Amino acid sequence: MWKRIQTLLLSIVSLLLLQMFWMDMGHTTDPQTLTQYTICFYERSQFLLMTFVTFMLSVTTIFYYNKRLMQIRLCLLNSIILFAYQIWILVEFFLVKHLGTTLASQFTLSIASVFPAICIVLLLLSIRYIGKDEIYYAFTSTGAEDKNGGSGKKQKKDKSL
């Protein structure tokens, strides 16, 4: 399982999404008092729920290493959800940015706000490698024997007939 590059990519996706639980979405600083105000992902239940769902999808995808087509479907589902999540983060950013106060107009996103976009790229790469594995095991004789429970050795033909 850990020998495959797609497992490594899916693990990186899981770790990035896990980091989003504790990181800030963005911050602003009051110029008069130099107080920094932050919005964290765990402070808003919608972001927390979305992060948890995508994290659990990426973790469960890792353990479907024998069912490659299911892995591809789960990666596609996760990338669609992450795309919607990234758009939602940007919409929230622009809503906060245009509140009209000088404090809100200086609001900036943190690096964790780009993690869903990075995860989408990594998921698409893992789909590519999962597809290559599926093609390899579908069209090679050793892969077909491994799927059928064969030992990998070719059987001798019985010439006694």
N, C-alpha and C. Protein backbone atom coordinates (compact mmCIF):
# COMPACT_ATOMS: atom_id res chain seq x y z
N MET A 1 0.82 -1.19 0.00
CA MET A 1 0.00 0.00 0.00
C MET A 1 0.87 1.26 0.00
N TRP A 2 1.87 1.33 0.82
CA TRP A 2 2.68 2.56 0.93
C TRP A 2 3.74 2.66 -0.16
N LYS A 3 3.84 1.64 -1.02
CA LYS A 3 4.83 1.67 -2.10
C LYS A 3 4.37 2.55 -3.25
N ARG A 4 3.10 2.82 -3.33
CA ARG A 4 2.55 3.52 -4.47
C ARG A 4 2.59 5.03 -4.26
N ILE A 5 2.83 5.76 -5.34
CA ILE A 5 2.94 7.21 -5.26
C ILE A 5 1.59 7.84 -4.92
N GLN A 6 0.49 7.23 -5.37
CA GLN A 6 -0.82 7.81 -5.08
C GLN A 6 -1.16 7.74 -3.60
N THR A 7 -0.64 6.73 -2.91
CA THR A 7 -0.85 6.67 -1.47
C THR A 7 -0.12 7.81 -0.77
N LEU A 8 1.06 8.12 -1.24
CA LEU A 8 1.81 9.25 -0.70
C LEU A 8 1.07 10.57 -0.97
N LEU A 9 0.55 10.73 -2.19
CA LEU A 9 -0.19 11.95 -2.53
C LEU A 9 -1.46 12.08 -1.69
N LEU A 10 -2.18 10.98 -1.51
CA LEU A 10 -3.39 11.02 -0.69
C LEU A 10 -3.06 11.29 0.78
N SER A 11 -1.93 10.80 1.24
CA SER A 11 -1.50 11.10 2.61
C SER A 11 -1.17 12.58 2.78
N ILE A 12 -0.55 13.17 1.78
CA ILE A 12 -0.24 14.61 1.83
C ILE A 12 -1.53 15.41 1.84
N VAL A 13 -2.51 14.99 1.05
CA VAL A 13 -3.82 15.65 1.05
C VAL A 13 -4.44 15.58 2.44
N SER A 14 -4.38 14.40 3.04
CA SER A 14 -4.95 14.23 4.39
C SER A 14 -4.24 15.11 5.41
N LEU A 15 -2.93 15.20 5.32
CA LEU A 15 -2.18 16.03 6.26
C LEU A 15 -2.47 17.52 6.07
N LEU A 16 -2.61 17.95 4.83
CA LEU A 16 -2.94 19.35 4.58
C LEU A 16 -4.33 19.69 5.13
N LEU A 17 -5.27 18.79 4.92
CA LEU A 17 -6.62 19.04 5.44
C LEU A 17 -6.65 18.96 6.95
N LEU A 18 -5.82 18.11 7.53
CA LEU A 18 -5.73 18.03 8.99
C LEU A 18 -5.17 19.33 9.57
N GLN A 19 -4.21 19.93 8.87
CA GLN A 19 -3.63 21.19 9.33
C GLN A 19 -4.65 22.32 9.33
N MET A 20 -5.64 22.23 8.45
CA MET A 20 -6.66 23.28 8.38
C MET A 20 -7.50 23.36 9.64
N PHE A 21 -7.55 22.29 10.42
CA PHE A 21 -8.31 22.31 11.67
C PHE A 21 -7.75 23.34 12.66
N TRP A 22 -6.44 23.57 12.61
CA TRP A 22 -5.81 24.43 13.61
C TRP A 22 -5.28 25.75 13.08
N MET A 23 -5.31 25.93 11.78
CA MET A 23 -4.72 27.15 11.21
C MET A 23 -5.78 28.24 11.02
N ASP A 24 -5.30 29.44 10.81
CA ASP A 24 -6.17 30.59 10.60
C ASP A 24 -6.58 30.69 9.14
N MET A 25 -7.82 31.17 8.93
CA MET A 25 -8.25 31.43 7.57
C MET A 25 -7.68 32.75 7.08
N GLY A 26 -7.66 33.71 7.94
CA GLY A 26 -7.11 35.01 7.57
C GLY A 26 -6.97 35.87 8.81
N HIS A 27 -6.36 37.04 8.61
CA HIS A 27 -6.15 37.93 9.75
C HIS A 27 -6.12 39.38 9.29
N THR A 28 -6.32 40.25 10.23
CA THR A 28 -6.20 41.68 10.01
C THR A 28 -5.62 42.30 11.27
N THR A 29 -4.98 43.44 11.11
CA THR A 29 -4.36 44.13 12.24
C THR A 29 -4.93 45.53 12.35
N ASP A 30 -5.31 45.88 13.56
CA ASP A 30 -5.80 47.23 13.82
C ASP A 30 -4.60 48.17 13.85
N PRO A 31 -4.54 49.18 12.98
CA PRO A 31 -3.35 50.04 12.93
C PRO A 31 -3.18 50.92 14.17
N GLN A 32 -4.25 51.22 14.87
CA GLN A 32 -4.13 52.09 16.04
C GLN A 32 -3.62 51.35 17.26
N THR A 33 -4.16 50.17 17.51
CA THR A 33 -3.76 49.42 18.72
C THR A 33 -2.80 48.28 18.41
N LEU A 34 -2.55 48.02 17.13
CA LEU A 34 -1.69 46.92 16.68
C LEU A 34 -2.17 45.57 17.20
N THR A 35 -3.48 45.43 17.37
CA THR A 35 -4.09 44.18 17.78
C THR A 35 -4.42 43.37 16.54
N GLN A 36 -4.06 42.09 16.56
CA GLN A 36 -4.33 41.24 15.40
C GLN A 36 -5.60 40.44 15.65
N TYR A 37 -6.51 40.50 14.69
CA TYR A 37 -7.76 39.75 14.73
C TYR A 37 -7.69 38.66 13.68
N THR A 38 -8.08 37.44 14.08
CA THR A 38 -8.00 36.31 13.15
C THR A 38 -9.35 35.62 13.06
N ILE A 39 -9.57 34.98 11.92
CA ILE A 39 -10.70 34.08 11.73
C ILE A 39 -10.11 32.70 11.50
N CYS A 40 -10.45 31.76 12.36
CA CYS A 40 -9.93 30.40 12.25
C CYS A 40 -10.97 29.49 11.61
N PHE A 41 -10.51 28.42 11.01
CA PHE A 41 -11.43 27.47 10.40
C PHE A 41 -12.29 26.76 11.43
N TYR A 42 -11.74 26.53 12.62
CA TYR A 42 -12.50 25.80 13.63
C TYR A 42 -13.50 26.69 14.36
N GLU A 43 -13.43 28.00 14.19
CA GLU A 43 -14.38 28.90 14.84
C GLU A 43 -15.73 28.90 14.15
N ARG A 44 -15.77 28.59 12.88
CA ARG A 44 -17.01 28.57 12.12
C ARG A 44 -17.38 27.13 11.86
N SER A 45 -18.56 26.74 12.29
CA SER A 45 -18.96 25.34 12.20
C SER A 45 -19.08 24.85 10.75
N GLN A 46 -19.43 25.74 9.82
CA GLN A 46 -19.54 25.33 8.42
C GLN A 46 -18.17 24.93 7.88
N PHE A 47 -17.16 25.72 8.16
CA PHE A 47 -15.81 25.40 7.70
C PHE A 47 -15.28 24.15 8.40
N LEU A 48 -15.60 24.02 9.66
CA LEU A 48 -15.17 22.85 10.42
C LEU A 48 -15.78 21.58 9.85
N LEU A 49 -17.06 21.61 9.54
CA LEU A 49 -17.75 20.45 8.98
C LEU A 49 -17.20 20.11 7.60
N MET A 50 -16.99 21.12 6.77
CA MET A 50 -16.47 20.88 5.42
C MET A 50 -15.05 20.32 5.47
N THR A 51 -14.23 20.82 6.36
CA THR A 51 -12.88 20.30 6.52
C THR A 51 -12.90 18.86 7.01
N PHE A 52 -13.79 18.57 7.94
CA PHE A 52 -13.88 17.21 8.47
C PHE A 52 -14.33 16.22 7.39
N VAL A 53 -15.32 16.60 6.59
CA VAL A 53 -15.82 15.71 5.54
C VAL A 53 -14.74 15.42 4.51
N THR A 54 -14.04 16.45 4.06
CA THR A 54 -13.00 16.24 3.06
C THR A 54 -11.82 15.46 3.63
N PHE A 55 -11.51 15.70 4.89
CA PHE A 55 -10.43 14.94 5.54
C PHE A 55 -10.79 13.46 5.62
N MET A 56 -12.01 13.15 6.05
CA MET A 56 -12.42 11.76 6.17
C MET A 56 -12.49 11.07 4.81
N LEU A 57 -12.90 11.80 3.78
CA LEU A 57 -12.91 11.22 2.44
C LEU A 57 -11.51 10.87 1.97
N SER A 58 -10.57 11.75 2.24
CA SER A 58 -9.20 11.47 1.80
C SER A 58 -8.57 10.33 2.58
N VAL A 59 -8.90 10.21 3.85
CA VAL A 59 -8.36 9.09 4.64
C VAL A 59 -8.97 7.77 4.20
N THR A 60 -10.27 7.74 3.96
CA THR A 60 -10.89 6.49 3.53
C THR A 60 -10.44 6.10 2.13
N THR A 61 -10.11 7.07 1.30
CA THR A 61 -9.63 6.77 -0.04
C THR A 61 -8.31 6.02 0.00
N ILE A 62 -7.49 6.32 0.97
CA ILE A 62 -6.19 5.64 1.10
C ILE A 62 -6.39 4.14 1.30
N PHE A 63 -7.39 3.76 2.08
CA PHE A 63 -7.57 2.35 2.44
C PHE A 63 -8.33 1.55 1.39
N TYR A 64 -8.72 2.15 0.30
CA TYR A 64 -9.33 1.43 -0.83
C TYR A 64 -8.28 1.12 -1.89
N TYR A 65 -7.08 0.78 -1.49
CA TYR A 65 -5.99 0.59 -2.44
C TYR A 65 -6.19 -0.62 -3.36
N ASN A 66 -7.00 -1.58 -2.98
CA ASN A 66 -7.27 -2.72 -3.86
C ASN A 66 -8.42 -2.45 -4.82
N LYS A 67 -9.25 -1.50 -4.51
CA LYS A 67 -10.39 -1.15 -5.36
C LYS A 67 -10.10 0.19 -6.02
N ARG A 68 -9.40 0.14 -7.12
CA ARG A 68 -8.89 1.36 -7.76
C ARG A 68 -9.99 2.22 -8.34
N LEU A 69 -11.01 1.61 -8.92
CA LEU A 69 -12.10 2.41 -9.50
C LEU A 69 -12.86 3.16 -8.40
N MET A 70 -13.02 2.53 -7.25
CA MET A 70 -13.65 3.22 -6.12
C MET A 70 -12.76 4.35 -5.63
N GLN A 71 -11.45 4.14 -5.65
CA GLN A 71 -10.51 5.19 -5.26
C GLN A 71 -10.62 6.38 -6.20
N ILE A 72 -10.74 6.12 -7.50
CA ILE A 72 -10.87 7.21 -8.46
C ILE A 72 -12.16 7.99 -8.22
N ARG A 73 -13.25 7.27 -7.96
CA ARG A 73 -14.53 7.95 -7.70
C ARG A 73 -14.48 8.79 -6.44
N LEU A 74 -13.86 8.25 -5.39
CA LEU A 74 -13.76 9.01 -4.15
C LEU A 74 -12.86 10.24 -4.31
N CYS A 75 -11.80 10.11 -5.09
CA CYS A 75 -10.93 11.26 -5.36
C CYS A 75 -11.66 12.33 -6.15
N LEU A 76 -12.45 11.91 -7.14
CA LEU A 76 -13.24 12.88 -7.90
C LEU A 76 -14.27 13.58 -7.03
N LEU A 77 -14.95 12.82 -6.19
CA LEU A 77 -15.92 13.41 -5.27
C LEU A 77 -15.25 14.39 -4.32
N ASN A 78 -14.11 14.00 -3.79
CA ASN A 78 -13.39 14.86 -2.87
C ASN A 78 -12.89 16.13 -3.57
N SER A 79 -12.44 16.01 -4.80
CA SER A 79 -11.96 17.20 -5.51
C SER A 79 -13.11 18.15 -5.84
N ILE A 80 -14.30 17.62 -6.14
CA ILE A 80 -15.46 18.49 -6.39
C ILE A 80 -15.86 19.21 -5.11
N ILE A 81 -15.87 18.50 -4.00
CA ILE A 81 -16.20 19.13 -2.72
C ILE A 81 -15.15 20.18 -2.35
N LEU A 82 -13.88 19.86 -2.57
CA LEU A 82 -12.82 20.82 -2.26
C LEU A 82 -12.89 22.05 -3.17
N PHE A 83 -13.30 21.87 -4.42
CA PHE A 83 -13.46 23.01 -5.32
C PHE A 83 -14.56 23.94 -4.81
N ALA A 84 -15.68 23.35 -4.38
CA ALA A 84 -16.76 24.16 -3.80
C ALA A 84 -16.30 24.84 -2.51
N TYR A 85 -15.50 24.13 -1.72
CA TYR A 85 -14.98 24.67 -0.47
C TYR A 85 -14.05 25.86 -0.74
N GLN A 86 -13.20 25.74 -1.76
CA GLN A 86 -12.29 26.84 -2.10
C GLN A 86 -13.07 28.07 -2.56
N ILE A 87 -14.11 27.85 -3.35
CA ILE A 87 -14.94 28.98 -3.77
C ILE A 87 -15.63 29.61 -2.58
N TRP A 88 -16.09 28.79 -1.65
CA TRP A 88 -16.75 29.30 -0.46
C TRP A 88 -15.79 30.14 0.39
N ILE A 89 -14.56 29.71 0.52
CA ILE A 89 -13.57 30.48 1.26
C ILE A 89 -13.35 31.83 0.60
N LEU A 90 -13.26 31.85 -0.73
CA LEU A 90 -13.07 33.11 -1.44
C LEU A 90 -14.27 34.03 -1.32
N VAL A 91 -15.47 33.47 -1.36
CA VAL A 91 -16.68 34.28 -1.19
C VAL A 91 -16.71 34.89 0.21
N GLU A 92 -16.39 34.11 1.22
CA GLU A 92 -16.34 34.64 2.59
C GLU A 92 -15.28 35.72 2.73
N PHE A 93 -14.16 35.53 2.06
CA PHE A 93 -13.10 36.53 2.09
C PHE A 93 -13.58 37.86 1.51
N PHE A 94 -14.24 37.81 0.36
CA PHE A 94 -14.71 39.05 -0.27
C PHE A 94 -15.87 39.66 0.51
N LEU A 95 -16.67 38.85 1.18
CA LEU A 95 -17.73 39.40 2.02
C LEU A 95 -17.15 40.15 3.21
N VAL A 96 -16.14 39.58 3.83
CA VAL A 96 -15.49 40.26 4.96
C VAL A 96 -14.74 41.50 4.47
N LYS A 97 -14.12 41.38 3.31
CA LYS A 97 -13.31 42.48 2.78
C LYS A 97 -14.17 43.71 2.46
N HIS A 98 -15.41 43.50 2.06
CA HIS A 98 -16.27 44.61 1.66
C HIS A 98 -17.29 44.98 2.72
N LEU A 99 -16.96 44.80 3.99
CA LEU A 99 -17.85 45.21 5.06
C LEU A 99 -17.92 46.72 5.21
N GLY A 100 -16.90 47.40 4.76
CA GLY A 100 -16.93 48.85 4.80
C GLY A 100 -16.03 49.46 5.86
N THR A 101 -15.58 48.69 6.82
CA THR A 101 -14.71 49.24 7.85
C THR A 101 -13.26 49.15 7.38
N THR A 102 -12.44 50.00 7.93
CA THR A 102 -11.02 49.98 7.55
C THR A 102 -10.34 48.72 8.06
N LEU A 103 -10.82 48.20 9.18
CA LEU A 103 -10.25 46.98 9.73
C LEU A 103 -10.55 45.78 8.82
N ALA A 104 -11.76 45.71 8.29
CA ALA A 104 -12.13 44.61 7.41
C ALA A 104 -11.49 44.74 6.04
N SER A 105 -11.24 45.96 5.60
CA SER A 105 -10.65 46.15 4.28
C SER A 105 -9.19 45.71 4.25
N GLN A 106 -8.55 45.57 5.39
CA GLN A 106 -7.16 45.11 5.45
C GLN A 106 -7.05 43.61 5.72
N PHE A 107 -8.17 42.91 5.65
CA PHE A 107 -8.19 41.47 5.91
C PHE A 107 -7.43 40.73 4.81
N THR A 108 -6.52 39.84 5.21
CA THR A 108 -5.74 39.04 4.25
C THR A 108 -5.90 37.56 4.56
N LEU A 109 -5.85 36.77 3.52
CA LEU A 109 -5.95 35.32 3.67
C LEU A 109 -4.61 34.73 4.08
N SER A 110 -4.66 33.63 4.79
CA SER A 110 -3.42 32.93 5.16
C SER A 110 -3.14 31.83 4.13
N ILE A 111 -2.03 31.17 4.30
CA ILE A 111 -1.63 30.11 3.37
C ILE A 111 -2.58 28.92 3.47
N ALA A 112 -3.20 28.71 4.61
CA ALA A 112 -4.13 27.59 4.78
C ALA A 112 -5.38 27.75 3.94
N SER A 113 -5.68 28.94 3.51
CA SER A 113 -6.85 29.15 2.66
C SER A 113 -6.64 28.64 1.25
N VAL A 114 -5.41 28.36 0.89
CA VAL A 114 -5.10 27.84 -0.44
C VAL A 114 -4.95 26.31 -0.40
N PHE A 115 -4.98 25.72 0.77
CA PHE A 115 -4.82 24.27 0.90
C PHE A 115 -5.84 23.47 0.09
N PRO A 116 -7.12 23.87 0.03
CA PRO A 116 -8.05 23.10 -0.82
C PRO A 116 -7.63 23.07 -2.29
N ALA A 117 -7.11 24.17 -2.81
CA ALA A 117 -6.65 24.19 -4.21
C ALA A 117 -5.44 23.29 -4.40
N ILE A 118 -4.53 23.29 -3.43
CA ILE A 118 -3.37 22.40 -3.50
C ILE A 118 -3.83 20.94 -3.43
N CYS A 119 -4.81 20.67 -2.59
CA CYS A 119 -5.33 19.30 -2.45
C CYS A 119 -6.00 18.84 -3.73
N ILE A 120 -6.67 19.74 -4.44
CA ILE A 120 -7.31 19.38 -5.71
C ILE A 120 -6.25 18.93 -6.70
N VAL A 121 -5.16 19.66 -6.79
CA VAL A 121 -4.08 19.29 -7.72
C VAL A 121 -3.49 17.94 -7.34
N LEU A 122 -3.27 17.72 -6.05
CA LEU A 122 -2.72 16.44 -5.60
C LEU A 122 -3.69 15.29 -5.84
N LEU A 123 -4.99 15.55 -5.67
CA LEU A 123 -5.98 14.51 -5.94
C LEU A 123 -6.04 14.16 -7.42
N LEU A 124 -5.93 15.16 -8.28
CA LEU A 124 -5.93 14.88 -9.72
C LEU A 124 -4.69 14.10 -10.12
N LEU A 125 -3.55 14.40 -9.51
CA LEU A 125 -2.35 13.61 -9.77
C LEU A 125 -2.50 12.18 -9.28
N SER A 126 -3.12 12.01 -8.13
CA SER A 126 -3.31 10.65 -7.62
C SER A 126 -4.30 9.87 -8.49
N ILE A 127 -5.31 10.55 -9.06
CA ILE A 127 -6.22 9.89 -9.99
C ILE A 127 -5.45 9.38 -11.20
N ARG A 128 -4.51 10.17 -11.66
CA ARG A 128 -3.70 9.77 -12.81
C ARG A 128 -2.89 8.51 -12.49
N TYR A 129 -2.25 8.48 -11.33
CA TYR A 129 -1.45 7.31 -10.96
C TYR A 129 -2.32 6.09 -10.65
N ILE A 130 -3.49 6.30 -10.08
CA ILE A 130 -4.40 5.17 -9.84
C ILE A 130 -4.86 4.59 -11.17
N GLY A 131 -5.14 5.47 -12.14
CA GLY A 131 -5.52 5.00 -13.47
C GLY A 131 -4.41 4.22 -14.14
N LYS A 132 -3.17 4.66 -13.98
CA LYS A 132 -2.05 3.91 -14.54
C LYS A 132 -1.93 2.53 -13.90
N ASP A 133 -2.15 2.45 -12.60
CA ASP A 133 -2.11 1.14 -11.93
C ASP A 133 -3.23 0.24 -12.43
N GLU A 134 -4.41 0.79 -12.62
CA GLU A 134 -5.54 0.00 -13.09
C GLU A 134 -5.28 -0.53 -14.50
N ILE A 135 -4.72 0.30 -15.34
CA ILE A 135 -4.39 -0.14 -16.70
C ILE A 135 -3.31 -1.22 -16.66
N TYR A 136 -2.32 -1.03 -15.82
CA TYR A 136 -1.24 -2.02 -15.70
C TYR A 136 -1.80 -3.38 -15.27
N TYR A 137 -2.62 -3.38 -14.23
CA TYR A 137 -3.14 -4.65 -13.72
C TYR A 137 -4.21 -5.24 -14.62
N ALA A 138 -4.84 -4.43 -15.45
CA ALA A 138 -5.86 -4.96 -16.35
C ALA A 138 -5.24 -5.62 -17.58
N PHE A 139 -4.11 -5.10 -18.06
CA PHE A 139 -3.57 -5.57 -19.32
C PHE A 139 -2.29 -6.38 -19.23
N THR A 140 -1.81 -6.65 -18.06
CA THR A 140 -0.63 -7.50 -17.95
C THR A 140 -1.04 -8.86 -17.41
N SER A 141 -0.31 -9.86 -17.80
CA SER A 141 -0.67 -11.22 -17.37
C SER A 141 -0.39 -11.41 -15.88
N THR A 142 0.67 -10.80 -15.38
CA THR A 142 0.96 -10.96 -13.95
C THR A 142 -0.08 -10.24 -13.12
N GLY A 143 -0.56 -9.13 -13.61
CA GLY A 143 -1.60 -8.42 -12.87
C GLY A 143 -2.90 -9.19 -12.87
N ALA A 144 -3.24 -9.83 -14.01
CA ALA A 144 -4.47 -10.62 -14.08
C ALA A 144 -4.38 -11.85 -13.19
N GLU A 145 -3.20 -12.46 -13.13
CA GLU A 145 -3.04 -13.62 -12.26
C GLU A 145 -3.10 -13.22 -10.80
N ASP A 146 -2.53 -12.05 -10.48
CA ASP A 146 -2.59 -11.58 -9.10
C ASP A 146 -4.03 -11.29 -8.69
N LYS A 147 -4.83 -10.74 -9.61
CA LYS A 147 -6.22 -10.46 -9.28
C LYS A 147 -7.02 -11.74 -9.09
N ASN A 148 -6.69 -12.77 -9.87
CA ASN A 148 -7.43 -14.02 -9.79
C ASN A 148 -6.92 -14.94 -8.69
N GLY A 149 -5.94 -14.50 -7.97
CA GLY A 149 -5.43 -15.30 -6.87
C GLY A 149 -4.36 -16.28 -7.29
N GLY A 150 -3.80 -16.08 -8.46
CA GLY A 150 -2.75 -16.98 -8.95
C GLY A 150 -1.44 -16.73 -8.23
N SER A 151 -0.55 -17.66 -8.36
CA SER A 151 0.73 -17.53 -7.68
C SER A 151 1.73 -16.74 -8.49
N GLY A 152 1.37 -16.37 -9.72
CA GLY A 152 2.30 -15.63 -10.55
C GLY A 152 3.09 -16.53 -11.46
N LYS A 153 3.09 -17.84 -11.23
CA LYS A 153 3.79 -18.79 -12.08
C LYS A 153 2.84 -19.31 -13.14
N LYS A 154 3.35 -19.55 -14.31
CA LYS A 154 2.53 -20.10 -15.38
C LYS A 154 2.36 -21.59 -15.14
N GLN A 155 1.12 -22.06 -15.39
CA GLN A 155 0.86 -23.47 -15.19
C GLN A 155 1.28 -24.25 -16.42
N LYS A 156 1.78 -25.47 -16.19
CA LYS A 156 2.16 -26.32 -17.29
C LYS A 156 0.92 -26.99 -17.87
N LYS A 157 0.96 -27.17 -19.19
CA LYS A 157 -0.16 -27.84 -19.83
C LYS A 157 -0.01 -29.34 -19.64
N ASP A 158 -1.12 -29.97 -19.45
CA ASP A 158 -1.13 -31.43 -19.27
C ASP A 158 -1.13 -32.08 -20.65
N LYS A 159 -0.05 -32.81 -20.99
CA LYS A 159 0.08 -33.44 -22.29
C LYS A 159 -0.40 -34.89 -22.30
N SER A 160 -0.97 -35.35 -21.21
CA SER A 160 -1.39 -36.75 -21.15
C SER A 160 -2.68 -37.01 -21.91
N LEU A 161 -3.35 -35.99 -22.40
CA LEU A 161 -4.60 -36.20 -23.12
C LEU A 161 -4.30 -36.63 -24.46
